Amino acid sequence: MEVILRASVSLDGKLLTKAGKPSKRGIPVARLRNVAQLFLTIHPLIAGGNSTATLLGLPGQFLPHDLEWELLSTSKGSGGTITARYRRKELRARPASRRSPAVA
């Protein structure tokens, strides 16, 4: 089953509660690692401040782990909100590098 996460953020990337107030906590990284799709509702406000969490926690801990996403779609909502849908990028294995023959 594909795990989907829905979250609301301010224009400056701060996580908001369902009531539209700044959140005190981010989303645990362990939970975000299992997510295949992310639906963000971006509200036209600036939450600001170092005590307001981003998706992954308080500023200073921003993006402690590599999570790569690709934007699939956006749409405008009422009151100036924007909804964005992201999907986790498939991690592609890097091709093995060719070893050059040893020169004697």
Protein backbone atom coordinates (compact mmCIF):
# COMPACT_ATOMS: atom_id res chain seq x y z
CA MET A 1 0.00 0.00 0.00
CA GLU A 2 1.39 3.39 -1.01
CA VAL A 3 1.82 5.74 1.95
CA ILE A 4 0.55 9.29 1.38
CA LEU A 5 1.25 12.22 3.68
CA ARG A 6 -0.80 15.43 3.70
CA ALA A 7 0.62 18.53 5.34
CA SER A 8 0.06 22.28 5.40
CA VAL A 9 2.93 24.76 5.25
CA SER A 10 3.39 28.52 5.16
CA LEU A 11 5.13 30.33 2.29
CA ASP A 12 8.39 30.19 4.24
CA GLY A 13 8.16 26.40 4.60
CA LYS A 14 6.98 26.24 8.20
CA LEU A 15 4.65 23.41 9.17
CA LEU A 16 1.12 24.42 10.14
CA THR A 17 -1.50 22.63 12.25
CA LYS A 18 -4.94 21.76 10.85
CA ALA A 19 -6.19 25.03 12.35
CA GLY A 20 -3.56 26.97 10.34
CA LYS A 21 -1.42 27.84 13.37
CA PRO A 22 2.38 27.32 13.44
CA SER A 23 3.31 23.81 14.57
CA LYS A 24 5.73 23.18 17.44
CA ARG A 25 6.92 19.83 16.03
CA GLY A 26 8.01 18.55 12.65
CA ILE A 27 7.10 15.25 11.07
CA PRO A 28 9.38 12.43 12.30
CA VAL A 29 11.95 11.54 9.64
CA ALA A 30 11.19 7.83 10.13
CA ARG A 31 7.59 8.50 9.11
CA LEU A 32 8.61 10.62 6.12
CA ARG A 33 10.97 7.88 4.85
CA ASN A 34 7.99 5.56 4.31
CA VAL A 35 5.99 8.13 2.34
CA ALA A 36 5.65 7.60 -1.41
CA GLN A 37 3.56 10.72 -2.13
CA LEU A 38 3.39 14.08 -0.39
CA PHE A 39 0.46 16.50 -0.74
CA LEU A 40 1.30 20.00 0.49
CA THR A 41 -1.17 22.82 0.96
CA ILE A 42 0.81 26.05 0.90
CA HIS A 43 -0.89 28.96 2.66
CA PRO A 44 -0.26 32.62 1.76
CA LEU A 45 1.30 33.59 5.08
CA ILE A 46 4.73 33.80 6.67
CA ALA A 47 5.03 31.92 9.98
CA GLY A 48 8.68 32.86 10.62
CA GLY A 49 10.70 32.36 13.75
CA ASN A 50 13.19 29.75 14.90
CA SER A 51 10.64 28.13 17.20
CA THR A 52 8.36 27.18 14.29
CA ALA A 53 9.04 23.74 12.82
CA THR A 54 9.58 22.93 9.16
CA LEU A 55 8.41 19.58 7.78
CA LEU A 56 11.39 17.82 9.35
CA GLY A 57 11.84 19.75 12.57
CA LEU A 58 13.17 23.01 13.91
CA PRO A 59 15.41 25.22 11.75
CA GLY A 60 19.02 24.17 12.10
CA GLN A 61 18.01 20.52 11.68
CA PHE A 62 16.66 21.27 8.21
CA LEU A 63 16.90 18.37 5.81
CA PRO A 64 19.15 16.13 7.91
CA HIS A 65 18.53 13.23 5.52
CA ASP A 66 18.45 12.98 1.74
CA LEU A 67 14.88 12.84 0.51
CA GLU A 68 14.43 13.42 -3.20
CA TRP A 69 11.01 14.34 -4.58
CA GLU A 70 9.63 15.26 -7.96
CA LEU A 71 6.77 17.70 -8.41
CA LEU A 72 3.82 16.04 -10.14
CA SER A 73 1.16 18.75 -10.08
CA THR A 74 0.06 22.05 -8.60
CA SER A 75 -3.29 23.78 -8.37
CA LYS A 76 -4.64 27.03 -6.99
CA GLY A 77 -7.18 26.83 -4.20
CA SER A 78 -9.46 29.26 -2.45
CA GLY A 79 -8.02 32.09 -0.39
CA GLY A 80 -4.70 32.06 -2.25
CA THR A 81 -3.65 28.55 -1.23
CA ILE A 82 -1.64 26.33 -3.54
CA THR A 83 -1.76 22.56 -3.47
CA ALA A 84 1.32 20.68 -4.65
CA ARG A 85 1.65 16.94 -5.15
CA TYR A 86 5.07 15.31 -4.96
CA ARG A 87 6.26 11.75 -5.52
CA ARG A 88 9.44 10.29 -4.09
CA LYS A 89 12.04 9.90 -6.81
CA GLU A 90 13.16 6.40 -7.50
CA LEU A 91 16.71 5.97 -6.39
CA ARG A 92 18.52 4.83 -9.47
CA ALA A 93 21.60 2.73 -9.04
CA ARG A 94 24.68 4.36 -10.45
CA PRO A 95 26.34 2.38 -13.22
CA ALA A 96 29.50 0.66 -12.11
CA SER A 97 32.56 2.54 -13.22
CA ARG A 98 34.86 0.75 -15.57
CA ARG A 99 38.25 -0.02 -14.20
CA SER A 100 41.07 0.83 -16.50
CA PRO A 101 43.51 -2.00 -17.07
CA ALA A 102 46.61 -1.87 -14.93
CA VAL A 103 49.64 -0.59 -16.71
CA ALA A 104 52.78 -2.61 -16.04
